[in-house]
C-alpha atoms as a PDB file:
ATOM      1  CA  MET A   1    -118.845 -20.653 -37.080  1.00  0.00           C
ATOM      2  CA  LEU A   2    -117.024 -17.469 -36.446  1.00  0.00           C
ATOM      3  CA  SER A   3    -113.499 -18.590 -37.610  1.00  0.00           C
ATOM      4  CA  ASN A   4    -115.347 -20.057 -40.775  1.00  0.00           C
ATOM      5  CA  VAL A   5    -116.807 -16.457 -41.463  1.00  0.00           C
ATOM      6  CA  VAL A   6    -113.054 -15.208 -41.106  1.00  0.00           C
ATOM      7  CA  ARG A   7    -111.718 -17.486 -44.051  1.00  0.00           C
ATOM      8  CA  GLN A   8    -114.470 -16.530 -45.753  1.00  0.00           C
ATOM      9  CA  THR A   9    -114.357 -12.929 -45.725  1.00  0.00           C
ATOM     10  CA  LEU A  10    -110.598 -13.073 -45.850  1.00  0.00           C
ATOM     11  CA  GLY A  11    -111.110 -15.343 -49.154  1.00  0.00           C
ATOM     12  CA  ARG A  12    -113.214 -12.471 -50.856  1.00  0.00           C
ATOM     13  CA  SER A  13    -110.799 -10.169 -49.668  1.00  0.00           C
ATOM     14  CA  SER A  14    -107.516 -11.846 -51.478  1.00  0.00           C
ATOM     15  CA  ARG A  15    -109.491 -12.623 -54.638  1.00  0.00           C
ATOM     16  CA  ALA A  16    -110.389  -8.870 -54.930  1.00  0.00           C
ATOM     17  CA  SER A  17    -106.970  -8.029 -54.236  1.00  0.00           C
ATOM     18  CA  ALA A  18    -105.794 -10.415 -57.018  1.00  0.00           C
ATOM     19  CA  LEU A  19    -108.534  -9.392 -59.333  1.00  0.00           C
ATOM     20  CA  LEU A  20    -106.986  -5.911 -59.043  1.00  0.00           C
ATOM     21  CA  ILE A  21    -103.648  -7.018 -59.532  1.00  0.00           C
ATOM     22  CA  THR A  22    -104.143  -8.395 -62.113  1.00  0.00           C
ATOM     23  CA  GLN A  23    -106.202  -5.969 -63.748  1.00  0.00           C
ATOM     24  CA  THR A  24    -103.634  -2.524 -63.157  1.00  0.00           C
ATOM     25  CA  ARG A  25    -100.125  -4.875 -63.020  1.00  0.00           C
ATOM     26  CA  ARG A  26     -98.136  -4.234 -66.714  1.00  0.00           C
ATOM     27  CA  LYS A  27     -96.659  -6.780 -68.167  1.00  0.00           C
ATOM     28  CA  HIS A  28     -93.181  -6.203 -67.809  1.00  0.00           C
ATOM     29  CA  GLU A  29     -91.573  -5.664 -71.161  1.00  0.00           C
ATOM     30  CA  LEU A  30     -87.673  -6.651 -72.618  1.00  0.00           C
ATOM     31  CA  PRO A  31     -85.781  -3.673 -72.695  1.00  0.00           C
ATOM     32  CA  PRO A  32     -83.921  -2.476 -75.764  1.00  0.00           C
ATOM     33  CA  LEU A  33     -80.400  -2.397 -76.232  1.00  0.00           C
ATOM     34  CA  PRO A  34     -79.063   0.844 -75.738  1.00  0.00           C
ATOM     35  CA  TYR A  35     -76.787  -0.132 -78.555  1.00  0.00           C
ATOM     36  CA  ALA A  36     -76.137  -2.369 -81.789  1.00  0.00           C
ATOM     37  CA  TYR A  37     -75.805  -5.844 -81.232  1.00  0.00           C
ATOM     38  CA  ASN A  38     -72.259  -5.682 -82.692  1.00  0.00           C
ATOM     39  CA  ALA A  39     -71.462  -2.173 -80.603  1.00  0.00           C
ATOM     40  CA  LEU A  40     -69.600  -4.412 -78.282  1.00  0.00           C
ATOM     41  CA  GLU A  41     -67.156  -5.918 -80.924  1.00  0.00           C
ATOM     42  CA  PRO A  42     -64.265  -7.458 -80.176  1.00  0.00           C
ATOM     43  CA  THR A  43     -65.008  -7.852 -76.608  1.00  0.00           C
ATOM     44  CA  ILE A  44     -68.359  -9.052 -76.816  1.00  0.00           C
ATOM     45  CA  SER A  45     -69.575 -10.459 -80.268  1.00  0.00           C
ATOM     46  CA  GLY A  46     -72.482  -9.359 -82.243  1.00  0.00           C
ATOM     47  CA  GLU A  47     -73.793 -12.899 -82.113  1.00  0.00           C
ATOM     48  CA  ILE A  48     -73.421 -13.531 -78.363  1.00  0.00           C
ATOM     49  CA  MET A  49     -75.328 -10.245 -78.035  1.00  0.00           C
ATOM     50  CA  GLU A  50     -78.386 -10.547 -79.911  1.00  0.00           C
ATOM     51  CA  LEU A  51     -78.963 -14.299 -78.307  1.00  0.00           C
ATOM     52  CA  HIS A  52     -78.419 -13.514 -74.644  1.00  0.00           C
ATOM     53  CA  HIS A  53     -80.395 -10.076 -75.259  1.00  0.00           C
ATOM     54  CA  SER A  54     -83.412 -11.222 -77.181  1.00  0.00           C
ATOM     55  CA  LYS A  55     -83.360 -15.161 -76.442  1.00  0.00           C
ATOM     56  CA  HIS A  56     -81.958 -15.361 -72.861  1.00  0.00           C
ATOM     57  CA  HIS A  57     -83.080 -11.842 -71.456  1.00  0.00           C
ATOM     58  CA  GLN A  58     -86.425 -12.417 -73.238  1.00  0.00           C
ATOM     59  CA  THR A  59     -87.167 -16.049 -71.519  1.00  0.00           C
ATOM     60  CA  TYR A  60     -86.836 -14.276 -68.196  1.00  0.00           C
ATOM     61  CA  VAL A  61     -88.912 -11.755 -68.770  1.00  0.00           C
ATOM     62  CA  ASN A  62     -91.070 -14.023 -70.655  1.00  0.00           C
ATOM     63  CA  ASN A  63     -91.546 -16.914 -67.229  1.00  0.00           C
ATOM     64  CA  LEU A  64     -91.533 -13.861 -64.888  1.00  0.00           C
ATOM     65  CA  ASN A  65     -95.178 -12.715 -66.614  1.00  0.00           C
ATOM     66  CA  ALA A  66     -96.379 -16.193 -66.531  1.00  0.00           C
ATOM     67  CA  ALA A  67     -95.028 -16.840 -62.543  1.00  0.00           C
ATOM     68  CA  GLU A  68     -96.853 -13.461 -61.706  1.00  0.00           C
ATOM     69  CA  GLU A  69    -100.439 -14.459 -63.366  1.00  0.00           C
ATOM     70  CA  LYS A  70    -100.247 -17.565 -61.457  1.00  0.00           C
ATOM     71  CA  LEU A  71     -99.373 -15.448 -58.612  1.00  0.00           C
ATOM     72  CA  ALA A  72    -102.562 -13.667 -58.919  1.00  0.00           C
ATOM     73  CA  GLU A  73    -104.515 -16.877 -59.347  1.00  0.00           C
ATOM     74  CA  ALA A  74    -102.733 -18.847 -56.498  1.00  0.00           C
ATOM     75  CA  ILE A  75    -103.784 -15.582 -53.951  1.00  0.00           C
ATOM     76  CA  SER A  76    -107.411 -15.601 -55.614  1.00  0.00           C
ATOM     77  CA  SER A  77    -107.961 -18.794 -54.992  1.00  0.00           C
ATOM     78  CA  ASN A  78    -106.916 -18.690 -51.174  1.00  0.00           C
ATOM     79  CA  ASN A  79    -103.691 -21.003 -52.128  1.00  0.00           C
ATOM     80  CA  ILE A  80    -100.906 -20.828 -50.020  1.00  0.00           C
ATOM     81  CA  SER A  81     -98.830 -23.402 -50.862  1.00  0.00           C
ATOM     82  CA  GLY A  82     -99.331 -22.182 -54.858  1.00  0.00           C
ATOM     83  CA  VAL A  83     -97.461 -18.850 -53.818  1.00  0.00           C
ATOM     84  CA  ILE A  84     -94.947 -20.300 -51.361  1.00  0.00           C
ATOM     85  CA  ALA A  85     -94.625 -22.972 -54.875  1.00  0.00           C
ATOM     86  CA  LEU A  86     -93.757 -19.710 -57.082  1.00  0.00           C
ATOM     87  CA  GLN A  87     -91.102 -17.752 -54.778  1.00  0.00           C
ATOM     88  CA  GLY A  88     -88.571 -20.063 -56.913  1.00  0.00           C
ATOM     89  CA  ALA A  89     -89.754 -19.355 -60.209  1.00  0.00           C
ATOM     90  CA  LEU A  90     -90.386 -15.289 -59.034  1.00  0.00           C
ATOM     91  CA  ARG A  91     -86.760 -15.202 -57.797  1.00  0.00           C
ATOM     92  CA  PHE A  92     -84.913 -16.948 -61.041  1.00  0.00           C
ATOM     93  CA  ASN A  93     -86.796 -15.115 -63.343  1.00  0.00           C
ATOM     94  CA  GLY A  94     -87.581 -11.673 -61.968  1.00  0.00           C
ATOM     95  CA  GLY A  95     -84.265 -11.990 -60.619  1.00  0.00           C
ATOM     96  CA  GLY A  96     -82.541 -12.582 -64.479  1.00  0.00           C
ATOM     97  CA  HIS A  97     -84.969  -9.493 -65.513  1.00  0.00           C
ATOM     98  CA  ILE A  98     -82.992  -6.975 -63.185  1.00  0.00           C
ATOM     99  CA  ASN A  99     -79.965  -8.119 -63.387  1.00  0.00           C
ATOM    100  CA  HIS A 100     -80.126  -8.151 -67.142  1.00  0.00           C
ATOM    101  CA  SER A 101     -81.131  -4.724 -67.520  1.00  0.00           C
ATOM    102  CA  LEU A 102     -78.681  -3.422 -65.523  1.00  0.00           C
ATOM    103  CA  PHE A 103     -76.152  -5.282 -67.271  1.00  0.00           C
ATOM    104  CA  TRP A 104     -76.715  -3.625 -70.575  1.00  0.00           C
ATOM    105  CA  ASN A 105     -76.559  -0.441 -69.415  1.00  0.00           C
ATOM    106  CA  ASN A 106     -73.105  -1.140 -67.720  1.00  0.00           C
ATOM    107  CA  LEU A 107     -71.552  -1.909 -71.094  1.00  0.00           C
ATOM    108  CA  SER A 108     -70.786   0.558 -73.763  1.00  0.00           C
ATOM    109  CA  LYS A 109     -68.590   1.040 -76.777  1.00  0.00           C
ATOM    110  CA  ASP A 110     -67.533   3.988 -75.271  1.00  0.00           C
ATOM    111  CA  GLY A 111     -66.610   2.401 -72.205  1.00  0.00           C
ATOM    112  CA  GLY A 112     -63.602   1.270 -70.681  1.00  0.00           C
ATOM    113  CA  GLY A 113     -60.419   3.376 -68.768  1.00  0.00           C
ATOM    114  CA  VAL A 114     -61.146   3.795 -64.972  1.00  0.00           C
ATOM    115  CA  PRO A 115     -63.934   5.614 -63.106  1.00  0.00           C
ATOM    116  CA  SER A 116     -63.810   9.656 -61.700  1.00  0.00           C
ATOM    117  CA  GLY A 117     -65.257  11.496 -59.605  1.00  0.00           C
ATOM    118  CA  GLU A 118     -67.324   9.820 -56.514  1.00  0.00           C
ATOM    119  CA  LEU A 119     -67.153   6.940 -57.451  1.00  0.00           C
ATOM    120  CA  ALA A 120     -63.405   7.096 -57.867  1.00  0.00           C
ATOM    121  CA  ASP A 121     -62.626   8.025 -54.351  1.00  0.00           C
ATOM    122  CA  ALA A 122     -65.278   5.266 -53.002  1.00  0.00           C
ATOM    123  CA  ILE A 123     -63.153   2.601 -54.506  1.00  0.00           C
ATOM    124  CA  THR A 124     -60.031   3.979 -53.883  1.00  0.00           C
ATOM    125  CA  SER A 125     -61.374   4.401 -50.325  1.00  0.00           C
ATOM    126  CA  SER A 126     -62.966   0.629 -50.386  1.00  0.00           C
ATOM    127  CA  PHE A 127     -60.117  -1.133 -52.057  1.00  0.00           C
ATOM    128  CA  GLY A 128     -57.081   1.022 -51.793  1.00  0.00           C
ATOM    129  CA  SER A 129     -57.248   1.667 -55.608  1.00  0.00           C
ATOM    130  CA  PHE A 130     -58.813   1.233 -58.587  1.00  0.00           C
ATOM    131  CA  ASP A 131     -56.328  -1.810 -59.505  1.00  0.00           C
ATOM    132  CA  ASN A 132     -56.747  -3.374 -56.449  1.00  0.00           C
ATOM    133  CA  PHE A 133     -60.675  -3.221 -57.032  1.00  0.00           C
ATOM    134  CA  LYS A 134     -60.010  -4.797 -60.286  1.00  0.00           C
ATOM    135  CA  ALA A 135     -57.791  -7.371 -59.294  1.00  0.00           C
ATOM    136  CA  LYS A 136     -60.487  -8.188 -56.181  1.00  0.00           C
ATOM    137  CA  PHE A 137     -63.253  -7.962 -58.441  1.00  0.00           C
ATOM    138  CA  SER A 138     -62.302 -10.365 -61.046  1.00  0.00           C
ATOM    139  CA  ALA A 139     -60.671 -12.958 -59.178  1.00  0.00           C
ATOM    140  CA  ALA A 140     -64.087 -13.491 -57.377  1.00  0.00           C
ATOM    141  CA  THR A 141     -66.304 -13.213 -60.569  1.00  0.00           C
ATOM    142  CA  ILE A 142     -63.979 -15.658 -62.081  1.00  0.00           C
ATOM    143  CA  ALA A 143     -64.199 -18.024 -59.191  1.00  0.00           C
ATOM    144  CA  ILE A 144     -67.671 -18.430 -58.837  1.00  0.00           C
ATOM    145  CA  GLN A 145     -68.517 -22.214 -59.199  1.00  0.00           C
ATOM    146  CA  GLY A 146     -71.574 -22.364 -61.712  1.00  0.00           C
ATOM    147  CA  SER A 147     -73.640 -19.404 -63.028  1.00  0.00           C
ATOM    148  CA  GLY A 148     -73.663 -16.470 -61.627  1.00  0.00           C
ATOM    149  CA  TRP A 149     -72.780 -12.639 -60.946  1.00  0.00           C
ATOM    150  CA  GLY A 150     -70.313 -10.998 -59.811  1.00  0.00           C
ATOM    151  CA  TRP A 151     -71.459  -7.339 -58.056  1.00  0.00           C
ATOM    152  CA  LEU A 152     -69.577  -3.998 -57.364  1.00  0.00           C
ATOM    153  CA  GLY A 153     -72.816  -3.379 -54.397  1.00  0.00           C
ATOM    154  CA  TYR A 154     -73.297   0.046 -52.044  1.00  0.00           C
ATOM    155  CA  CYS A 155     -73.724  -0.363 -48.485  1.00  0.00           C
ATOM    156  CA  LYS A 156     -76.045   2.153 -47.259  1.00  0.00           C
ATOM    157  CA  GLU A 157     -75.458   1.151 -43.471  1.00  0.00           C
ATOM    158  CA  THR A 158     -71.379   1.917 -43.610  1.00  0.00           C
ATOM    159  CA  ASN A 159     -71.536   3.849 -46.782  1.00  0.00           C
ATOM    160  CA  SER A 160     -68.942   1.644 -48.294  1.00  0.00           C
ATOM    161  CA  LEU A 161     -68.604  -0.071 -51.850  1.00  0.00           C
ATOM    162  CA  LYS A 162     -68.963  -4.394 -51.591  1.00  0.00           C
ATOM    163  CA  ILE A 163     -67.528  -6.957 -54.157  1.00  0.00           C
ATOM    164  CA  VAL A 164     -70.383  -9.358 -53.702  1.00  0.00           C
ATOM    165  CA  THR A 165     -70.753 -12.917 -56.274  1.00  0.00           C
ATOM    166  CA  CYS A 166     -74.612 -14.209 -56.184  1.00  0.00           C
ATOM    167  CA  ALA A 167     -75.940 -17.688 -57.547  1.00  0.00           C
ATOM    168  CA  ASN A 168     -77.661 -18.339 -60.561  1.00  0.00           C
ATOM    169  CA  GLN A 169     -80.180 -15.113 -61.372  1.00  0.00           C
ATOM    170  CA  ASP A 170     -80.300 -13.689 -57.779  1.00  0.00           C
ATOM    171  CA  PRO A 171     -80.684 -10.655 -57.304  1.00  0.00           C
ATOM    172  CA  LEU A 172     -78.248  -8.503 -55.189  1.00  0.00           C
ATOM    173  CA  GLN A 173     -80.301  -6.184 -53.442  1.00  0.00           C
ATOM    174  CA  ALA A 174     -83.126  -8.906 -52.676  1.00  0.00           C
ATOM    175  CA  THR A 175     -80.003 -11.241 -51.398  1.00  0.00           C
ATOM    176  CA  THR A 176     -77.696  -8.897 -49.540  1.00  0.00           C
ATOM    177  CA  GLY A 177     -79.505  -5.819 -49.453  1.00  0.00           C
ATOM    178  CA  TYR A 178     -76.845  -3.561 -51.180  1.00  0.00           C
ATOM    179  CA  THR A 179     -77.507  -1.602 -54.236  1.00  0.00           C
ATOM    180  CA  ALA A 180     -76.093  -2.768 -57.451  1.00  0.00           C
ATOM    181  CA  LEU A 181     -73.814  -0.972 -59.327  1.00  0.00           C
ATOM    182  CA  LEU A 182     -71.774  -3.156 -61.675  1.00  0.00           C
ATOM    183  CA  GLY A 183     -72.945  -6.690 -62.517  1.00  0.00           C
ATOM    184  CA  ILE A 184     -70.792  -9.041 -64.881  1.00  0.00           C
ATOM    185  CA  ASP A 185     -72.630 -11.838 -66.103  1.00  0.00           C
ATOM    186  CA  VAL A 186     -70.707 -15.378 -66.043  1.00  0.00           C
ATOM    187  CA  TRP A 187     -73.333 -17.433 -66.833  1.00  0.00           C
ATOM    188  CA  GLU A 188     -71.719 -19.533 -70.220  1.00  0.00           C
ATOM    189  CA  HIS A 189     -74.422 -18.090 -72.573  1.00  0.00           C
ATOM    190  CA  ALA A 190     -72.839 -14.433 -71.850  1.00  0.00           C
ATOM    191  CA  TYR A 191     -69.584 -15.234 -73.436  1.00  0.00           C
ATOM    192  CA  TYR A 192     -68.899 -19.519 -74.374  1.00  0.00           C
ATOM    193  CA  LEU A 193     -69.386 -18.756 -78.006  1.00  0.00           C
ATOM    194  CA  GLN A 194     -66.246 -16.035 -78.327  1.00  0.00           C
ATOM    195  CA  TYR A 195     -64.266 -16.927 -75.480  1.00  0.00           C
ATOM    196  CA  LYS A 196     -64.967 -20.923 -74.952  1.00  0.00           C
ATOM    197  CA  ASN A 197     -64.181 -22.225 -71.185  1.00  0.00           C
ATOM    198  CA  ALA A 198     -61.564 -19.179 -70.681  1.00  0.00           C
ATOM    199  CA  ARG A 199     -63.708 -17.275 -68.412  1.00  0.00           C
ATOM    200  CA  ASN A 200     -60.567 -15.320 -67.214  1.00  0.00           C
ATOM    201  CA  ASN A 201     -60.091 -13.816 -70.354  1.00  0.00           C
ATOM    202  CA  TYR A 202     -63.746 -12.889 -70.913  1.00  0.00           C
ATOM    203  CA  VAL A 203     -63.596 -11.208 -67.173  1.00  0.00           C
ATOM    204  CA  ASN A 204     -60.735  -9.435 -67.951  1.00  0.00           C
ATOM    205  CA  ALA A 205     -61.570  -8.310 -71.571  1.00  0.00           C
ATOM    206  CA  ILE A 206     -65.243  -6.798 -70.221  1.00  0.00           C
ATOM    207  CA  PHE A 207     -63.098  -4.253 -68.386  1.00  0.00           C
ATOM    208  CA  ASP A 208     -62.581  -2.926 -71.986  1.00  0.00           C
ATOM    209  CA  VAL A 209     -66.184  -1.904 -72.314  1.00  0.00           C
ATOM    210  CA  ILE A 210     -67.687  -1.195 -68.688  1.00  0.00           C
ATOM    211  CA  ASN A 211     -69.785   2.155 -68.769  1.00  0.00           C
ATOM    212  CA  TRP A 212     -68.380   3.914 -65.716  1.00  0.00           C
ATOM    213  CA  ASN A 213     -70.604   7.130 -66.583  1.00  0.00           C
ATOM    214  CA  ASP A 214     -73.610   4.575 -65.775  1.00  0.00           C
ATOM    215  CA  VAL A 215     -71.742   2.836 -62.614  1.00  0.00           C
ATOM    216  CA  SER A 216     -71.490   6.639 -61.418  1.00  0.00           C
ATOM    217  CA  ASN A 217     -74.952   7.444 -61.898  1.00  0.00           C
ATOM    218  CA  ASN A 218     -75.955   3.869 -60.596  1.00  0.00           C
ATOM    219  CA  TYR A 219     -73.730   4.923 -57.204  1.00  0.00           C
ATOM    220  CA  ARG A 220     -75.181   8.190 -56.903  1.00  0.00           C
ATOM    221  CA  ASN A 221     -78.471   7.221 -57.197  1.00  0.00           C
ATOM    222  CA  ALA A 222     -77.429   5.037 -54.746  1.00  0.00           C
ATOM    223  CA  LYS A 223     -76.123   7.132 -52.269  1.00  0.00           C
ATOM    224  CA  ALA A 224     -79.153   9.521 -52.395  1.00  0.00           C
END
């Protein structure tokens, strides 16, 4: 009898919480690019940028919103199996939204060159030199099997930088605990129209538009 009362109470509490979440949460939206679609040419074509941003990223946003609505429904009905079943969609589409939102700002028509200041010192401390970092980061990213991301991350525990790769749309922080500073998307939709199957050429070229000011800001924020 007592267990039934507890279940009913918990069920009502879960439904109330889910209703509150549904009513108060704002839907995720596609962030605007901080530059025109053709701004990164010739490194990345305007056609690729428009498809990547307006179609692919938008799809992650749409599917994340849909998954969160289903999650609220599953919680409200105390459907634990339903909650668990949604974790894959939340990870994939939530990761896609997180990753791309960082990626757009990691790039700039005025990018390229080398970092300076604290970030440059941290790269030298962690990898020996910028050239060593670039070689290791590029090699790890090019070698990703299938689709995924190459990351420069910050480890707060050791106060050091890490090169990490993640499969699919797995977000760096949720996967490793490291804070994402710089990401390179090596899903084929990010480069295939222009570079075909030459992923190495794409990865090497993208350094010409890396926004080191943005990466430096991410580093300072991660350390704060």
